[in-house]
Amino acid sequence: MTATTDDVRTQRSVPPLGGFNGTLLRLEVRRLLRNRRTLVFSVVMPVAFFLLFGTGKSYSDENAGHGNVAAFIMISMALYGAMLSTTSAGAMVSVERSQGWSRQLRLTPLTSTAYIVVKVVVAMLLGAVSVTVTYLAGGLAGAHMDGPLWVETALAVWVGSLVFAAFGVFMGYLLPSENVMQVLGPVLALFAFLGGLFVPLDQLGSVFQQVAKVTPMYGLNQIVHAPLTGDAPGWAAVLNLAVWLVVFVGGAVWRFGRDTSRV
């Protein structure tokens, strides 16, 4: 009996990296790429917004620190696209829960941590595509800034969007699958507006400016534009980003724990 039990324990041992592997990651990426709606909203929309608001305007070539206004708008739209990409990819867990895929995965040696990491990695990959496409469009359509800032700001946008990857996973466990993106679409648009992506905050009233400072996009928006404008983002922006990252990651872990406890 002891030998049999030991054999079973050996067979059920946790694999390296908790089951995280290239095959699973590749399958998740393929599933994401088949979602045309997600690709349109995440990749096409930011480029369309940049071309609409950032090119061919009287202000496009005006100075904006170490570049022009077109570059400033390009960074904003890249951040908007990264936010859409990472959130929507993370929120796909809601569909998997409704289809029973998450339950099937729990029967495998895949650990919960590895599952969440796979979701975040896929979300960040889609975010990288969105940022890259938007920057390519910007480079071809008149955005100008100092050479190193292209890489610096792009990395800041991409790494910062990790906050919204966590937000997407959190919402994916919190909301029902049939409503998740219908709810998140307007919420993300509101985050972008209050964060200053569409309208500079100094053009809003004092009440809106105070509310904006406690929204998830505010701190990240200040940080990603700082290299271009040459202005330090300030401690309030950094604190805002850190607090919301902790809130979203904590929420995702909490809801995941509640979800797995039912099995």
C-alpha atoms as a PDB file:
ATOM      1  CA  MET A   1       0.000   0.000   0.000  1.00  0.00           C
ATOM      2  CA  THR A   2       2.832   2.356   0.884  1.00  0.00           C
ATOM      3  CA  ALA A   3       4.624   1.669  -2.364  1.00  0.00           C
ATOM      4  CA  THR A   4       1.420   2.297  -4.340  1.00  0.00           C
ATOM      5  CA  THR A   5       0.817   5.561  -2.537  1.00  0.00           C
ATOM      6  CA  ASP A   6       4.386   6.649  -3.162  1.00  0.00           C
ATOM      7  CA  ASP A   7       4.010   5.809  -6.847  1.00  0.00           C
ATOM      8  CA  VAL A   8       0.843   7.910  -7.084  1.00  0.00           C
ATOM      9  CA  ARG A   9       2.521  10.810  -5.321  1.00  0.00           C
ATOM     10  CA  THR A  10       5.442  10.553  -7.720  1.00  0.00           C
ATOM     11  CA  GLN A  11       3.119  10.554 -10.710  1.00  0.00           C
ATOM     12  CA  ARG A  12       1.191  13.572  -9.339  1.00  0.00           C
ATOM     13  CA  SER A  13       4.268  15.605  -8.484  1.00  0.00           C
ATOM     14  CA  VAL A  14       4.283  19.195  -9.627  1.00  0.00           C
ATOM     15  CA  PRO A  15       6.247  19.625 -12.887  1.00  0.00           C
ATOM     16  CA  PRO A  16       8.989  22.240 -13.281  1.00  0.00           C
ATOM     17  CA  LEU A  17       7.756  25.838 -13.241  1.00  0.00           C
ATOM     18  CA  GLY A  18       4.391  24.618 -12.001  1.00  0.00           C
ATOM     19  CA  GLY A  19       3.460  23.302 -15.438  1.00  0.00           C
ATOM     20  CA  PHE A  20       4.247  26.516 -17.321  1.00  0.00           C
ATOM     21  CA  ASN A  21       5.491  25.473 -20.754  1.00  0.00           C
ATOM     22  CA  GLY A  22       5.811  26.651 -24.310  1.00  0.00           C
ATOM     23  CA  THR A  23       3.051  24.412 -25.637  1.00  0.00           C
ATOM     24  CA  LEU A  24       0.435  25.840 -23.297  1.00  0.00           C
ATOM     25  CA  LEU A  25       1.601  29.367 -24.021  1.00  0.00           C
ATOM     26  CA  ARG A  26       1.444  28.750 -27.770  1.00  0.00           C
ATOM     27  CA  LEU A  27      -2.094  27.391 -27.509  1.00  0.00           C
ATOM     28  CA  GLU A  28      -3.196  30.413 -25.487  1.00  0.00           C
ATOM     29  CA  VAL A  29      -1.701  32.791 -28.051  1.00  0.00           C
ATOM     30  CA  ARG A  30      -3.462  30.967 -30.911  1.00  0.00           C
ATOM     31  CA  ARG A  31      -6.774  31.152 -29.086  1.00  0.00           C
ATOM     32  CA  LEU A  32      -6.296  34.867 -28.573  1.00  0.00           C
ATOM     33  CA  LEU A  33      -5.409  35.519 -32.207  1.00  0.00           C
ATOM     34  CA  ARG A  34      -8.631  33.850 -33.321  1.00  0.00           C
ATOM     35  CA  ASN A  35     -10.590  36.531 -31.468  1.00  0.00           C
ATOM     36  CA  ARG A  36     -10.919  39.117 -34.236  1.00  0.00           C
ATOM     37  CA  ARG A  37     -12.900  41.569 -32.123  1.00  0.00           C
ATOM     38  CA  THR A  38     -10.092  41.726 -29.579  1.00  0.00           C
ATOM     39  CA  LEU A  39      -7.485  42.290 -32.282  1.00  0.00           C
ATOM     40  CA  VAL A  40      -9.490  45.096 -33.892  1.00  0.00           C
ATOM     41  CA  PHE A  41     -10.050  46.953 -30.656  1.00  0.00           C
ATOM     42  CA  SER A  42      -6.514  46.362 -29.376  1.00  0.00           C
ATOM     43  CA  VAL A  43      -4.449  46.981 -32.507  1.00  0.00           C
ATOM     44  CA  VAL A  44      -6.515  48.842 -35.117  1.00  0.00           C
ATOM     45  CA  MET A  45      -8.381  51.305 -32.897  1.00  0.00           C
ATOM     46  CA  PRO A  46      -5.303  52.954 -31.277  1.00  0.00           C
ATOM     47  CA  VAL A  47      -3.743  53.497 -34.699  1.00  0.00           C
ATOM     48  CA  ALA A  48      -6.990  54.935 -36.064  1.00  0.00           C
ATOM     49  CA  PHE A  49      -7.258  57.319 -33.107  1.00  0.00           C
ATOM     50  CA  PHE A  50      -3.656  58.441 -33.569  1.00  0.00           C
ATOM     51  CA  LEU A  51      -4.162  59.126 -37.263  1.00  0.00           C
ATOM     52  CA  LEU A  52      -7.382  60.988 -36.498  1.00  0.00           C
ATOM     53  CA  PHE A  53      -6.166  63.176 -33.638  1.00  0.00           C
ATOM     54  CA  GLY A  54      -2.392  63.223 -34.014  1.00  0.00           C
ATOM     55  CA  THR A  55      -1.754  63.856 -37.698  1.00  0.00           C
ATOM     56  CA  GLY A  56      -2.661  66.591 -40.129  1.00  0.00           C
ATOM     57  CA  LYS A  57      -3.535  69.071 -37.371  1.00  0.00           C
ATOM     58  CA  SER A  58      -2.157  72.552 -36.816  1.00  0.00           C
ATOM     59  CA  TYR A  59      -0.721  71.434 -33.476  1.00  0.00           C
ATOM     60  CA  SER A  60       0.845  68.155 -34.659  1.00  0.00           C
ATOM     61  CA  ASP A  61       4.324  69.614 -35.232  1.00  0.00           C
ATOM     62  CA  GLU A  62       4.330  71.894 -32.195  1.00  0.00           C
ATOM     63  CA  ASN A  63       7.036  71.333 -29.611  1.00  0.00           C
ATOM     64  CA  ALA A  64       6.295  68.960 -26.728  1.00  0.00           C
ATOM     65  CA  GLY A  65       9.591  68.804 -24.847  1.00  0.00           C
ATOM     66  CA  HIS A  66      11.960  66.398 -26.575  1.00  0.00           C
ATOM     67  CA  GLY A  67       9.581  65.801 -29.476  1.00  0.00           C
ATOM     68  CA  ASN A  68       6.408  67.087 -31.070  1.00  0.00           C
ATOM     69  CA  VAL A  69       2.747  66.902 -30.143  1.00  0.00           C
ATOM     70  CA  ALA A  70       2.188  64.052 -32.599  1.00  0.00           C
ATOM     71  CA  ALA A  71       4.645  61.965 -30.563  1.00  0.00           C
ATOM     72  CA  PHE A  72       2.826  62.903 -27.366  1.00  0.00           C
ATOM     73  CA  ILE A  73      -0.479  61.724 -28.847  1.00  0.00           C
ATOM     74  CA  MET A  74       1.176  58.583 -30.208  1.00  0.00           C
ATOM     75  CA  ILE A  75       2.322  57.650 -26.699  1.00  0.00           C
ATOM     76  CA  SER A  76      -1.183  58.276 -25.375  1.00  0.00           C
ATOM     77  CA  MET A  77      -2.804  56.093 -28.016  1.00  0.00           C
ATOM     78  CA  ALA A  78      -0.181  53.367 -27.558  1.00  0.00           C
ATOM     79  CA  LEU A  79      -1.014  53.359 -23.864  1.00  0.00           C
ATOM     80  CA  TYR A  80      -4.711  53.194 -24.654  1.00  0.00           C
ATOM     81  CA  GLY A  81      -4.109  50.242 -26.975  1.00  0.00           C
ATOM     82  CA  ALA A  82      -1.937  48.480 -24.411  1.00  0.00           C
ATOM     83  CA  MET A  83      -4.649  48.988 -21.803  1.00  0.00           C
ATOM     84  CA  LEU A  84      -7.295  47.512 -24.114  1.00  0.00           C
ATOM     85  CA  SER A  85      -5.041  44.623 -25.129  1.00  0.00           C
ATOM     86  CA  THR A  86      -3.905  43.508 -21.704  1.00  0.00           C
ATOM     87  CA  THR A  87      -7.320  43.944 -20.102  1.00  0.00           C
ATOM     88  CA  SER A  88      -9.211  42.025 -22.772  1.00  0.00           C
ATOM     89  CA  ALA A  89      -6.642  39.213 -22.847  1.00  0.00           C
ATOM     90  CA  GLY A  90      -6.674  38.909 -19.068  1.00  0.00           C
ATOM     91  CA  ALA A  91     -10.470  38.965 -18.954  1.00  0.00           C
ATOM     92  CA  MET A  92     -10.640  35.889 -21.197  1.00  0.00           C
ATOM     93  CA  VAL A  93     -10.556  33.795 -18.023  1.00  0.00           C
ATOM     94  CA  SER A  94     -14.262  34.562 -17.650  1.00  0.00           C
ATOM     95  CA  VAL A  95     -15.037  32.755 -20.905  1.00  0.00           C
ATOM     96  CA  GLU A  96     -12.861  29.814 -19.914  1.00  0.00           C
ATOM     97  CA  ARG A  97     -14.675  29.528 -16.595  1.00  0.00           C
ATOM     98  CA  SER A  98     -18.063  29.457 -18.307  1.00  0.00           C
ATOM     99  CA  GLN A  99     -16.914  26.819 -20.819  1.00  0.00           C
ATOM    100  CA  GLY A 100     -15.379  24.580 -18.158  1.00  0.00           C
ATOM    101  CA  TRP A 101     -11.843  24.929 -19.478  1.00  0.00           C
ATOM    102  CA  SER A 102     -10.533  26.218 -16.153  1.00  0.00           C
ATOM    103  CA  ARG A 103     -12.055  23.222 -14.396  1.00  0.00           C
ATOM    104  CA  GLN A 104     -10.338  20.867 -16.824  1.00  0.00           C
ATOM    105  CA  LEU A 105      -6.987  22.544 -16.251  1.00  0.00           C
ATOM    106  CA  ARG A 106      -7.324  22.006 -12.506  1.00  0.00           C
ATOM    107  CA  LEU A 107      -7.267  18.260 -13.158  1.00  0.00           C
ATOM    108  CA  THR A 108      -3.764  18.599 -14.591  1.00  0.00           C
ATOM    109  CA  PRO A 109      -0.505  19.204 -12.672  1.00  0.00           C
ATOM    110  CA  LEU A 110      -0.684  22.877 -13.761  1.00  0.00           C
ATOM    111  CA  THR A 111      -0.512  25.056 -10.659  1.00  0.00           C
ATOM    112  CA  SER A 112      -2.732  28.072 -10.098  1.00  0.00           C
ATOM    113  CA  THR A 113       0.296  30.374 -10.130  1.00  0.00           C
ATOM    114  CA  ALA A 114       1.458  29.028 -13.487  1.00  0.00           C
ATOM    115  CA  TYR A 115      -2.052  29.462 -14.900  1.00  0.00           C
ATOM    116  CA  ILE A 116      -2.169  33.118 -13.854  1.00  0.00           C
ATOM    117  CA  VAL A 117       1.358  33.686 -15.187  1.00  0.00           C
ATOM    118  CA  VAL A 118       0.342  32.247 -18.578  1.00  0.00           C
ATOM    119  CA  LYS A 119      -2.612  34.626 -18.730  1.00  0.00           C
ATOM    120  CA  VAL A 120      -0.464  37.623 -17.850  1.00  0.00           C
ATOM    121  CA  VAL A 121       2.250  36.673 -20.361  1.00  0.00           C
ATOM    122  CA  VAL A 122      -0.322  36.311 -23.157  1.00  0.00           C
ATOM    123  CA  ALA A 123      -1.862  39.649 -22.207  1.00  0.00           C
ATOM    124  CA  MET A 124       1.544  41.322 -22.264  1.00  0.00           C
ATOM    125  CA  LEU A 125       2.367  39.788 -25.651  1.00  0.00           C
ATOM    126  CA  LEU A 126      -0.787  41.285 -27.129  1.00  0.00           C
ATOM    127  CA  GLY A 127       0.071  44.577 -25.470  1.00  0.00           C
ATOM    128  CA  ALA A 128       3.509  44.489 -27.081  1.00  0.00           C
ATOM    129  CA  VAL A 129       1.925  44.015 -30.510  1.00  0.00           C
ATOM    130  CA  SER A 130      -0.421  46.942 -29.942  1.00  0.00           C
ATOM    131  CA  VAL A 131       2.381  49.254 -28.801  1.00  0.00           C
ATOM    132  CA  THR A 132       4.660  48.224 -31.676  1.00  0.00           C
ATOM    133  CA  VAL A 133       2.012  48.789 -34.350  1.00  0.00           C
ATOM    134  CA  THR A 134       1.050  52.178 -32.919  1.00  0.00           C
ATOM    135  CA  TYR A 135       4.691  53.303 -32.766  1.00  0.00           C
ATOM    136  CA  LEU A 136       5.286  52.148 -36.339  1.00  0.00           C
ATOM    137  CA  ALA A 137       2.277  54.178 -37.469  1.00  0.00           C
ATOM    138  CA  GLY A 138       3.560  57.148 -35.504  1.00  0.00           C
ATOM    139  CA  GLY A 139       7.020  56.930 -37.028  1.00  0.00           C
ATOM    140  CA  LEU A 140       5.546  56.848 -40.520  1.00  0.00           C
ATOM    141  CA  ALA A 141       2.995  59.604 -39.901  1.00  0.00           C
ATOM    142  CA  GLY A 142       5.067  62.449 -38.494  1.00  0.00           C
ATOM    143  CA  ALA A 143       5.753  61.718 -34.837  1.00  0.00           C
ATOM    144  CA  HIS A 144       9.206  62.962 -33.814  1.00  0.00           C
ATOM    145  CA  MET A 145      11.204  62.651 -30.595  1.00  0.00           C
ATOM    146  CA  ASP A 146      14.810  62.079 -29.562  1.00  0.00           C
ATOM    147  CA  GLY A 147      16.102  58.671 -30.667  1.00  0.00           C
ATOM    148  CA  PRO A 148      16.435  56.874 -27.304  1.00  0.00           C
ATOM    149  CA  LEU A 149      12.980  58.043 -26.248  1.00  0.00           C
ATOM    150  CA  TRP A 150      11.318  55.785 -28.798  1.00  0.00           C
ATOM    151  CA  VAL A 151      12.551  52.740 -26.925  1.00  0.00           C
ATOM    152  CA  GLU A 152      12.254  54.277 -23.457  1.00  0.00           C
ATOM    153  CA  THR A 153       8.657  55.415 -23.804  1.00  0.00           C
ATOM    154  CA  ALA A 154       7.582  52.231 -25.585  1.00  0.00           C
ATOM    155  CA  LEU A 155       8.998  50.089 -22.787  1.00  0.00           C
ATOM    156  CA  ALA A 156       7.360  52.321 -20.175  1.00  0.00           C
ATOM    157  CA  VAL A 157       3.984  51.921 -21.887  1.00  0.00           C
ATOM    158  CA  TRP A 158       4.355  48.175 -22.249  1.00  0.00           C
ATOM    159  CA  VAL A 159       5.658  47.416 -18.760  1.00  0.00           C
ATOM    160  CA  GLY A 160       3.147  49.785 -17.198  1.00  0.00           C
ATOM    161  CA  SER A 161       0.266  48.013 -18.902  1.00  0.00           C
ATOM    162  CA  LEU A 162       0.940  45.108 -16.541  1.00  0.00           C
ATOM    163  CA  VAL A 163      -1.430  46.951 -14.193  1.00  0.00           C
ATOM    164  CA  PHE A 164      -4.288  46.391 -16.629  1.00  0.00           C
ATOM    165  CA  ALA A 165      -3.333  42.781 -17.287  1.00  0.00           C
ATOM    166  CA  ALA A 166      -3.950  42.231 -13.572  1.00  0.00           C
ATOM    167  CA  PHE A 167      -7.133  44.292 -13.848  1.00  0.00           C
ATOM    168  CA  GLY A 168      -8.363  42.084 -16.690  1.00  0.00           C
ATOM    169  CA  VAL A 169      -7.726  38.857 -14.775  1.00  0.00           C
ATOM    170  CA  PHE A 170      -9.464  40.335 -11.714  1.00  0.00           C
ATOM    171  CA  MET A 171     -12.520  41.340 -13.751  1.00  0.00           C
ATOM    172  CA  GLY A 172     -12.489  37.984 -15.540  1.00  0.00           C
ATOM    173  CA  TYR A 173     -13.053  36.234 -12.213  1.00  0.00           C
ATOM    174  CA  LEU A 174     -15.420  38.880 -10.897  1.00  0.00           C
ATOM    175  CA  LEU A 175     -17.836  39.346 -13.804  1.00  0.00           C
ATOM    176  CA  PRO A 176     -19.911  36.816 -15.770  1.00  0.00           C
ATOM    177  CA  SER A 177     -18.552  35.912 -19.195  1.00  0.00           C
ATOM    178  CA  GLU A 178     -21.506  37.239 -21.172  1.00  0.00           C
ATOM    179  CA  ASN A 179     -21.059  40.728 -19.717  1.00  0.00           C
ATOM    180  CA  VAL A 180     -17.376  41.156 -19.079  1.00  0.00           C
ATOM    181  CA  MET A 181     -16.310  43.149 -22.158  1.00  0.00           C
ATOM    182  CA  GLN A 182     -19.598  45.052 -22.354  1.00  0.00           C
ATOM    183  CA  VAL A 183     -18.838  46.325 -18.873  1.00  0.00           C
ATOM    184  CA  LEU A 184     -15.106  46.808 -19.327  1.00  0.00           C
ATOM    185  CA  GLY A 185     -15.321  48.747 -22.609  1.00  0.00           C
ATOM    186  CA  PRO A 186     -17.006  51.843 -21.124  1.00  0.00           C
ATOM    187  CA  VAL A 187     -14.956  51.505 -17.929  1.00  0.00           C
ATOM    188  CA  LEU A 188     -11.681  51.569 -19.872  1.00  0.00           C
ATOM    189  CA  ALA A 189     -12.864  54.548 -21.924  1.00  0.00           C
ATOM    190  CA  LEU A 190     -13.652  56.363 -18.671  1.00  0.00           C
ATOM    191  CA  PHE A 191     -10.238  55.461 -17.255  1.00  0.00           C
ATOM    192  CA  ALA A 192      -8.587  56.843 -20.404  1.00  0.00           C
ATOM    193  CA  PHE A 193     -10.585  60.080 -20.269  1.00  0.00           C
ATOM    194  CA  LEU A 194      -9.948  60.715 -16.581  1.00  0.00           C
ATOM    195  CA  GLY A 195      -6.308  59.722 -17.003  1.00  0.00           C
ATOM    196  CA  GLY A 196      -5.775  62.440 -19.590  1.00  0.00           C
ATOM    197  CA  LEU A 197      -5.277  60.270 -22.675  1.00  0.00           C
ATOM    198  CA  PHE A 198      -7.951  61.994 -24.744  1.00  0.00           C
ATOM    199  CA  VAL A 199      -8.067  65.469 -23.191  1.00  0.00           C
ATOM    200  CA  PRO A 200      -5.246  67.112 -21.197  1.00  0.00           C
ATOM    201  CA  LEU A 201      -6.200  67.286 -17.538  1.00  0.00           C
ATOM    202  CA  ASP A 202      -5.377  70.989 -17.334  1.00  0.00           C
ATOM    203  CA  GLN A 203      -8.280  71.595 -19.733  1.00  0.00           C
ATOM    204  CA  LEU A 204     -10.745  69.972 -17.358  1.00  0.00           C
ATOM    205  CA  GLY A 205     -12.378  71.565 -14.358  1.00  0.00           C
ATOM    206  CA  SER A 206     -10.820  71.422 -10.923  1.00  0.00           C
ATOM    207  CA  VAL A 207     -13.286  68.772  -9.759  1.00  0.00           C
ATOM    208  CA  PHE A 208     -12.385  66.452 -12.637  1.00  0.00           C
ATOM    209  CA  GLN A 209      -8.695  67.037 -12.013  1.00  0.00           C
ATOM    210  CA  GLN A 210      -9.006  65.962  -8.400  1.00  0.00           C
ATOM    211  CA  VAL A 211     -11.039  62.870  -9.308  1.00  0.00           C
ATOM    212  CA  ALA A 212      -8.575  61.965 -12.065  1.00  0.00           C
ATOM    213  CA  LYS A 213      -5.682  61.763  -9.614  1.00  0.00           C
ATOM    214  CA  VAL A 214      -7.177  58.697  -7.918  1.00  0.00           C
ATOM    215  CA  THR A 215      -8.078  56.771 -11.098  1.00  0.00           C
ATOM    216  CA  PRO A 216      -5.927  53.853 -12.374  1.00  0.00           C
ATOM    217  CA  MET A 217      -4.696  55.569 -15.543  1.00  0.00           C
ATOM    218  CA  TYR A 218      -3.519  58.834 -13.981  1.00  0.00           C
ATOM    219  CA  GLY A 219      -0.173  57.722 -12.588  1.00  0.00           C
ATOM    220  CA  LEU A 220       0.760  55.554 -15.551  1.00  0.00           C
ATOM    221  CA  ASN A 221      -0.080  58.324 -18.020  1.00  0.00           C
ATOM    222  CA  GLN A 222       2.172  60.758 -16.184  1.00  0.00           C
ATOM    223  CA  ILE A 223       5.032  58.259 -16.058  1.00  0.00           C
ATOM    224  CA  VAL A 224       5.039  57.238 -19.731  1.00  0.00           C
ATOM    225  CA  HIS A 225       5.004  60.845 -20.961  1.00  0.00           C
ATOM    226  CA  ALA A 226       7.691  62.059 -18.565  1.00  0.00           C
ATOM    227  CA  PRO A 227      10.680  61.130 -20.807  1.00  0.00           C
ATOM    228  CA  LEU A 228       9.181  63.117 -23.698  1.00  0.00           C
ATOM    229  CA  THR A 229       8.123  66.217 -21.786  1.00  0.00           C
ATOM    230  CA  GLY A 230      11.186  66.200 -19.524  1.00  0.00           C
ATOM    231  CA  ASP A 231       9.012  66.654 -16.443  1.00  0.00           C
ATOM    232  CA  ALA A 232       9.400  64.307 -13.493  1.00  0.00           C
ATOM    233  CA  PRO A 233       6.149  62.367 -12.909  1.00  0.00           C
ATOM    234  CA  GLY A 234       6.140  63.104  -9.172  1.00  0.00           C
ATOM    235  CA  TRP A 235       5.559  60.875  -6.167  1.00  0.00           C
ATOM    236  CA  ALA A 236       1.765  61.052  -6.514  1.00  0.00           C
ATOM    237  CA  ALA A 237       1.893  59.391  -9.946  1.00  0.00           C
ATOM    238  CA  VAL A 238       4.239  56.646  -8.766  1.00  0.00           C
ATOM    239  CA  LEU A 239       2.122  56.015  -5.673  1.00  0.00           C
ATOM    240  CA  ASN A 240      -1.038  55.912  -7.775  1.00  0.00           C
ATOM    241  CA  LEU A 241       0.470  53.254 -10.066  1.00  0.00           C
ATOM    242  CA  ALA A 242       1.787  51.154  -7.179  1.00  0.00           C
ATOM    243  CA  VAL A 243      -1.486  51.231  -5.243  1.00  0.00           C
ATOM    244  CA  TRP A 244      -3.629  50.200  -8.193  1.00  0.00           C
ATOM    245  CA  LEU A 245      -1.206  47.407  -9.121  1.00  0.00           C
ATOM    246  CA  VAL A 246      -1.480  46.017  -5.587  1.00  0.00           C
ATOM    247  CA  VAL A 247      -5.280  46.356  -5.651  1.00  0.00           C
ATOM    248  CA  PHE A 248      -5.695  44.554  -8.980  1.00  0.00           C
ATOM    249  CA  VAL A 249      -3.180  41.798  -8.256  1.00  0.00           C
ATOM    250  CA  GLY A 250      -4.687  41.269  -4.814  1.00  0.00           C
ATOM    251  CA  GLY A 251      -8.165  41.183  -6.292  1.00  0.00           C
ATOM    252  CA  ALA A 252      -7.156  38.632  -8.918  1.00  0.00           C
ATOM    253  CA  VAL A 253      -5.546  36.373  -6.290  1.00  0.00           C
ATOM    254  CA  TRP A 254      -8.580  36.695  -4.017  1.00  0.00           C
ATOM    255  CA  ARG A 255     -11.126  35.868  -6.721  1.00  0.00           C
ATOM    256  CA  PHE A 256      -8.993  33.031  -8.059  1.00  0.00           C
ATOM    257  CA  GLY A 257      -8.830  31.550  -4.571  1.00  0.00           C
ATOM    258  CA  ARG A 258     -12.598  31.797  -4.216  1.00  0.00           C
ATOM    259  CA  ASP A 259     -13.077  30.217  -7.629  1.00  0.00           C
ATOM    260  CA  THR A 260     -10.768  27.265  -7.040  1.00  0.00           C
ATOM    261  CA  SER A 261     -12.177  26.599  -3.551  1.00  0.00           C
ATOM    262  CA  ARG A 262     -15.477  25.591  -5.135  1.00  0.00           C
ATOM    263  CA  VAL A 263     -13.899  22.625  -6.937  1.00  0.00           C
END
